[in-house]
Amino acid sequence: MLDIRPISDLRNHYNEIESAVMSGSPVYLTKNGYGSMVVMSIESYDRLIGSYIENALDEADMQAESDKRRFTADEIFGNARNRLEKI
């Protein structure tokens, strides 16, 4: 079951939230009745983000093996700047 609490509980019941988070369950916080943020342990966050980063790096490695083209930093940042200017 989801643990949904008002954001004021973060201040008023920090120890309860910390216990829930340390047991592996995220705590969803609301502000004025609307979802505001999720609190989770560093370990849970690392698993969530770490796997994404690892998968992205693996994908980049596979692409680099199949495509022998290489770009300079100036080319990469120049392309990024050009795309940002169009936004």
PDB file of N, CA and C in Angstrom:
ATOM      1  N   MET A   1       0.838  -1.179   0.000  1.00  0.00           N
ATOM      2  CA  MET A   1       0.000   0.000   0.000  1.00  0.00           C
ATOM      3  C   MET A   1       0.887   1.248   0.000  1.00  0.00           C
ATOM      4  N   LEU A   2       0.481   2.241  -0.738  1.00  0.00           N
ATOM      5  CA  LEU A   2       1.253   3.479  -0.825  1.00  0.00           C
ATOM      6  C   LEU A   2       1.204   4.243   0.485  1.00  0.00           C
ATOM      7  N   ASP A   3       2.333   4.823   0.845  1.00  0.00           N
ATOM      8  CA  ASP A   3       2.428   5.672   2.035  1.00  0.00           C
ATOM      9  C   ASP A   3       2.366   7.122   1.560  1.00  0.00           C
ATOM     10  N   ILE A   4       1.184   7.719   1.646  1.00  0.00           N
ATOM     11  CA  ILE A   4       0.959   9.086   1.181  1.00  0.00           C
ATOM     12  C   ILE A   4       0.701   9.954   2.402  1.00  0.00           C
ATOM     13  N   ARG A   5       1.459  11.041   2.520  1.00  0.00           N
ATOM     14  CA  ARG A   5       1.370  11.911   3.693  1.00  0.00           C
ATOM     15  C   ARG A   5       1.432  13.378   3.262  1.00  0.00           C
ATOM     16  N   PRO A   6       0.886  14.249   4.091  1.00  0.00           N
ATOM     17  CA  PRO A   6       1.060  15.680   3.806  1.00  0.00           C
ATOM     18  C   PRO A   6       2.515  16.070   4.060  1.00  0.00           C
ATOM     19  N   ILE A   7       2.973  17.047   3.343  1.00  0.00           N
ATOM     20  CA  ILE A   7       4.374  17.455   3.441  1.00  0.00           C
ATOM     21  C   ILE A   7       4.743  17.910   4.859  1.00  0.00           C
ATOM     22  N   SER A   8       3.784  18.369   5.619  1.00  0.00           N
ATOM     23  CA  SER A   8       4.067  18.778   7.002  1.00  0.00           C
ATOM     24  C   SER A   8       4.553  17.603   7.847  1.00  0.00           C
ATOM     25  N   ASP A   9       4.194  16.364   7.467  1.00  0.00           N
ATOM     26  CA  ASP A   9       4.689  15.190   8.193  1.00  0.00           C
ATOM     27  C   ASP A   9       6.198  15.048   8.098  1.00  0.00           C
ATOM     28  N   LEU A  10       6.781  15.596   7.065  1.00  0.00           N
ATOM     29  CA  LEU A  10       8.235  15.524   6.946  1.00  0.00           C
ATOM     30  C   LEU A  10       8.884  16.234   8.123  1.00  0.00           C
ATOM     31  N   ARG A  11       8.308  17.317   8.557  1.00  0.00           N
ATOM     32  CA  ARG A  11       8.819  18.042   9.719  1.00  0.00           C
ATOM     33  C   ARG A  11       8.308  17.430  11.022  1.00  0.00           C
ATOM     34  N   ASN A  12       7.024  17.121  11.063  1.00  0.00           N
ATOM     35  CA  ASN A  12       6.402  16.701  12.317  1.00  0.00           C
ATOM     36  C   ASN A  12       6.605  15.227  12.672  1.00  0.00           C
ATOM     37  N   HIS A  13       6.842  14.388  11.664  1.00  0.00           N
ATOM     38  CA  HIS A  13       6.979  12.941  11.890  1.00  0.00           C
ATOM     39  C   HIS A  13       8.161  12.383  11.113  1.00  0.00           C
ATOM     40  N   TYR A  14       9.256  13.111  11.165  1.00  0.00           N
ATOM     41  CA  TYR A  14      10.441  12.736  10.392  1.00  0.00           C
ATOM     42  C   TYR A  14      10.890  11.304  10.689  1.00  0.00           C
ATOM     43  N   ASN A  15      10.920  10.919  11.952  1.00  0.00           N
ATOM     44  CA  ASN A  15      11.417   9.593  12.311  1.00  0.00           C
ATOM     45  C   ASN A  15      10.565   8.478  11.711  1.00  0.00           C
ATOM     46  N   GLU A  16       9.243   8.671  11.669  1.00  0.00           N
ATOM     47  CA  GLU A  16       8.363   7.681  11.039  1.00  0.00           C
ATOM     48  C   GLU A  16       8.645   7.569   9.544  1.00  0.00           C
ATOM     49  N   ILE A  17       8.806   8.703   8.898  1.00  0.00           N
ATOM     50  CA  ILE A  17       9.091   8.705   7.464  1.00  0.00           C
ATOM     51  C   ILE A  17      10.447   8.068   7.200  1.00  0.00           C
ATOM     52  N   GLU A  18      11.420   8.406   8.015  1.00  0.00           N
ATOM     53  CA  GLU A  18      12.749   7.820   7.851  1.00  0.00           C
ATOM     54  C   GLU A  18      12.688   6.304   8.000  1.00  0.00           C
ATOM     55  N   SER A  19      11.951   5.805   8.968  1.00  0.00           N
ATOM     56  CA  SER A  19      11.828   4.352   9.164  1.00  0.00           C
ATOM     57  C   SER A  19      11.192   3.685   7.947  1.00  0.00           C
ATOM     58  N   ALA A  20      10.136   4.295   7.427  1.00  0.00           N
ATOM     59  CA  ALA A  20       9.475   3.733   6.244  1.00  0.00           C
ATOM     60  C   ALA A  20      10.419   3.703   5.059  1.00  0.00           C
ATOM     61  N   VAL A  21      11.136   4.787   4.870  1.00  0.00           N
ATOM     62  CA  VAL A  21      12.053   4.896   3.733  1.00  0.00           C
ATOM     63  C   VAL A  21      13.214   3.898   3.876  1.00  0.00           C
ATOM     64  N   MET A  22      13.731   3.766   5.090  1.00  0.00           N
ATOM     65  CA  MET A  22      14.852   2.855   5.306  1.00  0.00           C
ATOM     66  C   MET A  22      14.434   1.394   5.166  1.00  0.00           C
ATOM     67  N   SER A  23      13.145   1.110   5.305  1.00  0.00           N
ATOM     68  CA  SER A  23      12.667  -0.258   5.101  1.00  0.00           C
ATOM     69  C   SER A  23      12.466  -0.563   3.618  1.00  0.00           C
ATOM     70  N   GLY A  24      12.694   0.433   2.770  1.00  0.00           N
ATOM     71  CA  GLY A  24      12.621   0.221   1.326  1.00  0.00           C
ATOM     72  C   GLY A  24      11.375   0.767   0.668  1.00  0.00           C
ATOM     73  N   SER A  25      10.480   1.362   1.432  1.00  0.00           N
ATOM     74  CA  SER A  25       9.237   1.895   0.869  1.00  0.00           C
ATOM     75  C   SER A  25       9.361   3.394   0.643  1.00  0.00           C
ATOM     76  N   PRO A  26       9.049   3.867  -0.547  1.00  0.00           N
ATOM     77  CA  PRO A  26       9.055   5.315  -0.748  1.00  0.00           C
ATOM     78  C   PRO A  26       7.859   5.940  -0.041  1.00  0.00           C
ATOM     79  N   VAL A  27       7.982   7.188   0.316  1.00  0.00           N
ATOM     80  CA  VAL A  27       6.892   7.941   0.939  1.00  0.00           C
ATOM     81  C   VAL A  27       6.528   9.069  -0.018  1.00  0.00           C
ATOM     82  N   TYR A  28       5.251   9.146  -0.368  1.00  0.00           N
ATOM     83  CA  TYR A  28       4.755  10.169  -1.277  1.00  0.00           C
ATOM     84  C   TYR A  28       4.214  11.323  -0.450  1.00  0.00           C
ATOM     85  N   LEU A  29       4.691  12.523  -0.728  1.00  0.00           N
ATOM     86  CA  LEU A  29       4.281  13.706   0.015  1.00  0.00           C
ATOM     87  C   LEU A  29       3.374  14.580  -0.836  1.00  0.00           C
ATOM     88  N   THR A  30       2.367  15.137  -0.174  1.00  0.00           N
ATOM     89  CA  THR A  30       1.434  16.017  -0.868  1.00  0.00           C
ATOM     90  C   THR A  30       1.526  17.423  -0.286  1.00  0.00           C
ATOM     91  N   LYS A  31       1.165  18.379  -1.102  1.00  0.00           N
ATOM     92  CA  LYS A  31       1.080  19.775  -0.663  1.00  0.00           C
ATOM     93  C   LYS A  31      -0.253  20.303  -1.165  1.00  0.00           C
ATOM     94  N   ASN A  32      -1.069  20.779  -0.244  1.00  0.00           N
ATOM     95  CA  ASN A  32      -2.417  21.264  -0.579  1.00  0.00           C
ATOM     96  C   ASN A  32      -3.235  20.210  -1.328  1.00  0.00           C
ATOM     97  N   GLY A  33      -3.025  18.945  -0.950  1.00  0.00           N
ATOM     98  CA  GLY A  33      -3.804  17.856  -1.539  1.00  0.00           C
ATOM     99  C   GLY A  33      -3.294  17.320  -2.858  1.00  0.00           C
ATOM    100  N   TYR A  34      -2.219  17.865  -3.378  1.00  0.00           N
ATOM    101  CA  TYR A  34      -1.665  17.426  -4.655  1.00  0.00           C
ATOM    102  C   TYR A  34      -0.285  16.810  -4.444  1.00  0.00           C
ATOM    103  N   GLY A  35       0.058  15.827  -5.254  1.00  0.00           N
ATOM    104  CA  GLY A  35       1.370  15.209  -5.172  1.00  0.00           C
ATOM    105  C   GLY A  35       2.462  16.240  -5.329  1.00  0.00           C
ATOM    106  N   SER A  36       3.463  16.156  -4.449  1.00  0.00           N
ATOM    107  CA  SER A  36       4.541  17.136  -4.466  1.00  0.00           C
ATOM    108  C   SER A  36       5.893  16.484  -4.693  1.00  0.00           C
ATOM    109  N   MET A  37       6.178  15.402  -3.946  1.00  0.00           N
ATOM    110  CA  MET A  37       7.490  14.769  -4.079  1.00  0.00           C
ATOM    111  C   MET A  37       7.448  13.368  -3.514  1.00  0.00           C
ATOM    112  N   VAL A  38       8.509  12.635  -3.790  1.00  0.00           N
ATOM    113  CA  VAL A  38       8.683  11.283  -3.266  1.00  0.00           C
ATOM    114  C   VAL A  38       9.982  11.267  -2.477  1.00  0.00           C
ATOM    115  N   VAL A  39       9.924  10.686  -1.278  1.00  0.00           N
ATOM    116  CA  VAL A  39      11.119  10.530  -0.458  1.00  0.00           C
ATOM    117  C   VAL A  39      11.498   9.058  -0.505  1.00  0.00           C
ATOM    118  N   MET A  40      12.766   8.801  -0.790  1.00  0.00           N
ATOM    119  CA  MET A  40      13.254   7.417  -0.818  1.00  0.00           C
ATOM    120  C   MET A  40      14.669   7.386  -0.287  1.00  0.00           C
ATOM    121  N   SER A  41      15.117   6.203   0.064  1.00  0.00           N
ATOM    122  CA  SER A  41      16.476   6.066   0.585  1.00  0.00           C
ATOM    123  C   SER A  41      17.488   6.314  -0.527  1.00  0.00           C
ATOM    124  N   ILE A  42      18.677   6.636  -0.121  1.00  0.00           N
ATOM    125  CA  ILE A  42      19.759   6.834  -1.088  1.00  0.00           C
ATOM    126  C   ILE A  42      19.997   5.550  -1.864  1.00  0.00           C
ATOM    127  N   GLU A  43      19.920   4.415  -1.195  1.00  0.00           N
ATOM    128  CA  GLU A  43      20.140   3.133  -1.857  1.00  0.00           C
ATOM    129  C   GLU A  43      19.089   2.878  -2.937  1.00  0.00           C
ATOM    130  N   SER A  44      17.818   3.181  -2.614  1.00  0.00           N
ATOM    131  CA  SER A  44      16.755   3.014  -3.610  1.00  0.00           C
ATOM    132  C   SER A  44      16.957   3.947  -4.788  1.00  0.00           C
ATOM    133  N   TYR A  45      17.320   5.175  -4.504  1.00  0.00           N
ATOM    134  CA  TYR A  45      17.567   6.156  -5.563  1.00  0.00           C
ATOM    135  C   TYR A  45      18.728   5.709  -6.444  1.00  0.00           C
ATOM    136  N   ASP A  46      19.784   5.225  -5.828  1.00  0.00           N
ATOM    137  CA  ASP A  46      20.947   4.763  -6.577  1.00  0.00           C
ATOM    138  C   ASP A  46      20.592   3.592  -7.480  1.00  0.00           C
ATOM    139  N   ARG A  47      19.775   2.657  -6.967  1.00  0.00           N
ATOM    140  CA  ARG A  47      19.340   1.527  -7.804  1.00  0.00           C
ATOM    141  C   ARG A  47      18.520   2.019  -8.984  1.00  0.00           C
ATOM    142  N   LEU A  48      17.657   2.973  -8.724  1.00  0.00           N
ATOM    143  CA  LEU A  48      16.797   3.512  -9.772  1.00  0.00           C
ATOM    144  C   LEU A  48      17.605   4.240 -10.837  1.00  0.00           C
ATOM    145  N   ILE A  49      18.449   5.149 -10.428  1.00  0.00           N
ATOM    146  CA  ILE A  49      19.230   5.959 -11.357  1.00  0.00           C
ATOM    147  C   ILE A  49      20.432   5.192 -11.886  1.00  0.00           C
ATOM    148  N   GLY A  50      21.079   4.447 -11.011  1.00  0.00           N
ATOM    149  CA  GLY A  50      22.277   3.711 -11.409  1.00  0.00           C
ATOM    150  C   GLY A  50      22.020   2.761 -12.552  1.00  0.00           C
ATOM    151  N   SER A  51      20.898   2.042 -12.515  1.00  0.00           N
ATOM    152  CA  SER A  51      20.597   1.103 -13.589  1.00  0.00           C
ATOM    153  C   SER A  51      20.331   1.846 -14.893  1.00  0.00           C
ATOM    154  N   TYR A  52      19.681   3.023 -14.806  1.00  0.00           N
ATOM    155  CA  TYR A  52      19.431   3.821 -16.005  1.00  0.00           C
ATOM    156  C   TYR A  52      20.752   4.258 -16.634  1.00  0.00           C
ATOM    157  N   ILE A  53      21.645   4.762 -15.806  1.00  0.00           N
ATOM    158  CA  ILE A  53      22.940   5.226 -16.306  1.00  0.00           C
ATOM    159  C   ILE A  53      23.731   4.072 -16.890  1.00  0.00           C
ATOM    160  N   GLU A  54      23.737   2.949 -16.189  1.00  0.00           N
ATOM    161  CA  GLU A  54      24.468   1.776 -16.675  1.00  0.00           C
ATOM    162  C   GLU A  54      23.915   1.314 -18.020  1.00  0.00           C
ATOM    163  N   ASN A  55      22.590   1.285 -18.161  1.00  0.00           N
ATOM    164  CA  ASN A  55      21.980   0.889 -19.435  1.00  0.00           C
ATOM    165  C   ASN A  55      22.318   1.874 -20.546  1.00  0.00           C
ATOM    166  N   ALA A  56      22.311   3.171 -20.232  1.00  0.00           N
ATOM    167  CA  ALA A  56      22.640   4.189 -21.231  1.00  0.00           C
ATOM    168  C   ALA A  56      24.092   4.048 -21.679  1.00  0.00           C
ATOM    169  N   LEU A  57      24.995   3.767 -20.740  1.00  0.00           N
ATOM    170  CA  LEU A  57      26.403   3.571 -21.103  1.00  0.00           C
ATOM    171  C   LEU A  57      26.594   2.313 -21.941  1.00  0.00           C
ATOM    172  N   ASP A  58      25.889   1.245 -21.600  1.00  0.00           N
ATOM    173  CA  ASP A  58      25.961   0.015 -22.402  1.00  0.00           C
ATOM    174  C   ASP A  58      25.465   0.262 -23.822  1.00  0.00           C
ATOM    175  N   GLU A  59      24.379   1.002 -23.944  1.00  0.00           N
ATOM    176  CA  GLU A  59      23.833   1.326 -25.262  1.00  0.00           C
ATOM    177  C   GLU A  59      24.824   2.169 -26.064  1.00  0.00           C
ATOM    178  N   ALA A  60      25.465   3.124 -25.418  1.00  0.00           N
ATOM    179  CA  ALA A  60      26.457   3.964 -26.089  1.00  0.00           C
ATOM    180  C   ALA A  60      27.652   3.126 -26.547  1.00  0.00           C
ATOM    181  N   ASP A  61      28.080   2.188 -25.715  1.00  0.00           N
ATOM    182  CA  ASP A  61      29.187   1.303 -26.101  1.00  0.00           C
ATOM    183  C   ASP A  61      28.833   0.481 -27.329  1.00  0.00           C
ATOM    184  N   MET A  62      27.618  -0.066 -27.361  1.00  0.00           N
ATOM    185  CA  MET A  62      27.193  -0.870 -28.521  1.00  0.00           C
ATOM    186  C   MET A  62      27.127  -0.020 -29.779  1.00  0.00           C
ATOM    187  N   GLN A  63      26.620   1.195 -29.644  1.00  0.00           N
ATOM    188  CA  GLN A  63      26.529   2.083 -30.802  1.00  0.00           C
ATOM    189  C   GLN A  63      27.929   2.444 -31.296  1.00  0.00           C
ATOM    190  N   ALA A  64      28.848   2.687 -30.379  1.00  0.00           N
ATOM    191  CA  ALA A  64      30.219   3.042 -30.763  1.00  0.00           C
ATOM    192  C   ALA A  64      30.889   1.894 -31.498  1.00  0.00           C
ATOM    193  N   GLU A  65      30.589   0.659 -31.114  1.00  0.00           N
ATOM    194  CA  GLU A  65      31.175  -0.492 -31.798  1.00  0.00           C
ATOM    195  C   GLU A  65      30.649  -0.641 -33.216  1.00  0.00           C
ATOM    196  N   SER A  66      29.368  -0.299 -33.428  1.00  0.00           N
ATOM    197  CA  SER A  66      28.768  -0.484 -34.746  1.00  0.00           C
ATOM    198  C   SER A  66      28.981   0.699 -35.678  1.00  0.00           C
ATOM    199  N   ASP A  67      29.322   1.855 -35.141  1.00  0.00           N
ATOM    200  CA  ASP A  67      29.502   3.068 -35.947  1.00  0.00           C
ATOM    201  C   ASP A  67      30.886   3.636 -35.653  1.00  0.00           C
ATOM    202  N   LYS A  68      31.737   3.638 -36.643  1.00  0.00           N
ATOM    203  CA  LYS A  68      33.132   4.057 -36.437  1.00  0.00           C
ATOM    204  C   LYS A  68      33.332   5.568 -36.536  1.00  0.00           C
ATOM    205  N   ARG A  69      32.242   6.329 -36.788  1.00  0.00           N
ATOM    206  CA  ARG A  69      32.374   7.785 -36.830  1.00  0.00           C
ATOM    207  C   ARG A  69      32.699   8.307 -35.440  1.00  0.00           C
ATOM    208  N   ARG A  70      33.525   9.324 -35.384  1.00  0.00           N
ATOM    209  CA  ARG A  70      33.866   9.975 -34.117  1.00  0.00           C
ATOM    210  C   ARG A  70      33.756  11.481 -34.312  1.00  0.00           C
ATOM    211  N   PHE A  71      33.364  12.182 -33.251  1.00  0.00           N
ATOM    212  CA  PHE A  71      33.153  13.618 -33.300  1.00  0.00           C
ATOM    213  C   PHE A  71      34.045  14.307 -32.288  1.00  0.00           C
ATOM    214  N   THR A  72      34.458  15.520 -32.630  1.00  0.00           N
ATOM    215  CA  THR A  72      35.246  16.313 -31.677  1.00  0.00           C
ATOM    216  C   THR A  72      34.285  16.969 -30.679  1.00  0.00           C
ATOM    217  N   ALA A  73      34.835  17.456 -29.577  1.00  0.00           N
ATOM    218  CA  ALA A  73      34.023  18.159 -28.586  1.00  0.00           C
ATOM    219  C   ALA A  73      33.378  19.392 -29.209  1.00  0.00           C
ATOM    220  N   ASP A  74      34.108  20.089 -30.071  1.00  0.00           N
ATOM    221  CA  ASP A  74      33.553  21.284 -30.718  1.00  0.00           C
ATOM    222  C   ASP A  74      32.337  20.931 -31.577  1.00  0.00           C
ATOM    223  N   GLU A  75      32.395  19.807 -32.277  1.00  0.00           N
ATOM    224  CA  GLU A  75      31.263  19.386 -33.096  1.00  0.00           C
ATOM    225  C   GLU A  75      30.050  19.046 -32.217  1.00  0.00           C
ATOM    226  N   ILE A  76      30.281  18.332 -31.142  1.00  0.00           N
ATOM    227  CA  ILE A  76      29.184  17.936 -30.252  1.00  0.00           C
ATOM    228  C   ILE A  76      28.538  19.160 -29.622  1.00  0.00           C
ATOM    229  N   PHE A  77      29.351  20.034 -29.018  1.00  0.00           N
ATOM    230  CA  PHE A  77      28.798  21.200 -28.350  1.00  0.00           C
ATOM    231  C   PHE A  77      28.217  22.199 -29.350  1.00  0.00           C
ATOM    232  N   GLY A  78      28.791  22.265 -30.544  1.00  0.00           N
ATOM    233  CA  GLY A  78      28.226  23.121 -31.583  1.00  0.00           C
ATOM    234  C   GLY A  78      26.835  22.661 -31.977  1.00  0.00           C
ATOM    235  N   ASN A  79      26.659  21.345 -32.154  1.00  0.00           N
ATOM    236  CA  ASN A  79      25.327  20.798 -32.466  1.00  0.00           C
ATOM    237  C   ASN A  79      24.347  21.081 -31.339  1.00  0.00           C
ATOM    238  N   ALA A  80      24.777  20.911 -30.106  1.00  0.00           N
ATOM    239  CA  ALA A  80      23.897  21.163 -28.957  1.00  0.00           C
ATOM    240  C   ALA A  80      23.485  22.627 -28.916  1.00  0.00           C
ATOM    241  N   ARG A  81      24.438  23.519 -29.135  1.00  0.00           N
ATOM    242  CA  ARG A  81      24.111  24.954 -29.126  1.00  0.00           C
ATOM    243  C   ARG A  81      23.125  25.300 -30.235  1.00  0.00           C
ATOM    244  N   ASN A  82      23.339  24.728 -31.414  1.00  0.00           N
ATOM    245  CA  ASN A  82      22.432  24.995 -32.532  1.00  0.00           C
ATOM    246  C   ASN A  82      21.017  24.525 -32.229  1.00  0.00           C
ATOM    247  N   ARG A  83      20.901  23.361 -31.614  1.00  0.00           N
ATOM    248  CA  ARG A  83      19.569  22.856 -31.278  1.00  0.00           C
ATOM    249  C   ARG A  83      18.911  23.705 -30.203  1.00  0.00           C
ATOM    250  N   LEU A  84      19.668  24.152 -29.240  1.00  0.00           N
ATOM    251  CA  LEU A  84      19.108  24.990 -28.181  1.00  0.00           C
ATOM    252  C   LEU A  84      18.652  26.343 -28.713  1.00  0.00           C
ATOM    253  N   GLU A  85      19.375  26.867 -29.686  1.00  0.00           N
ATOM    254  CA  GLU A  85      18.985  28.162 -30.266  1.00  0.00           C
ATOM    255  C   GLU A  85      17.671  28.064 -31.015  1.00  0.00           C
ATOM    256  N   LYS A  86      17.329  26.882 -31.508  1.00  0.00           N
ATOM    257  CA  LYS A  86      16.080  26.688 -32.258  1.00  0.00           C
ATOM    258  C   LYS A  86      14.876  26.534 -31.344  1.00  0.00           C
ATOM    259  N   ILE A  87      15.119  26.326 -30.052  1.00  0.00           N
ATOM    260  CA  ILE A  87      13.996  26.107 -29.124  1.00  0.00           C
ATOM    261  C   ILE A  87      13.368  27.417 -28.736  1.00  0.00           C
TER     262      ILE A  87
END
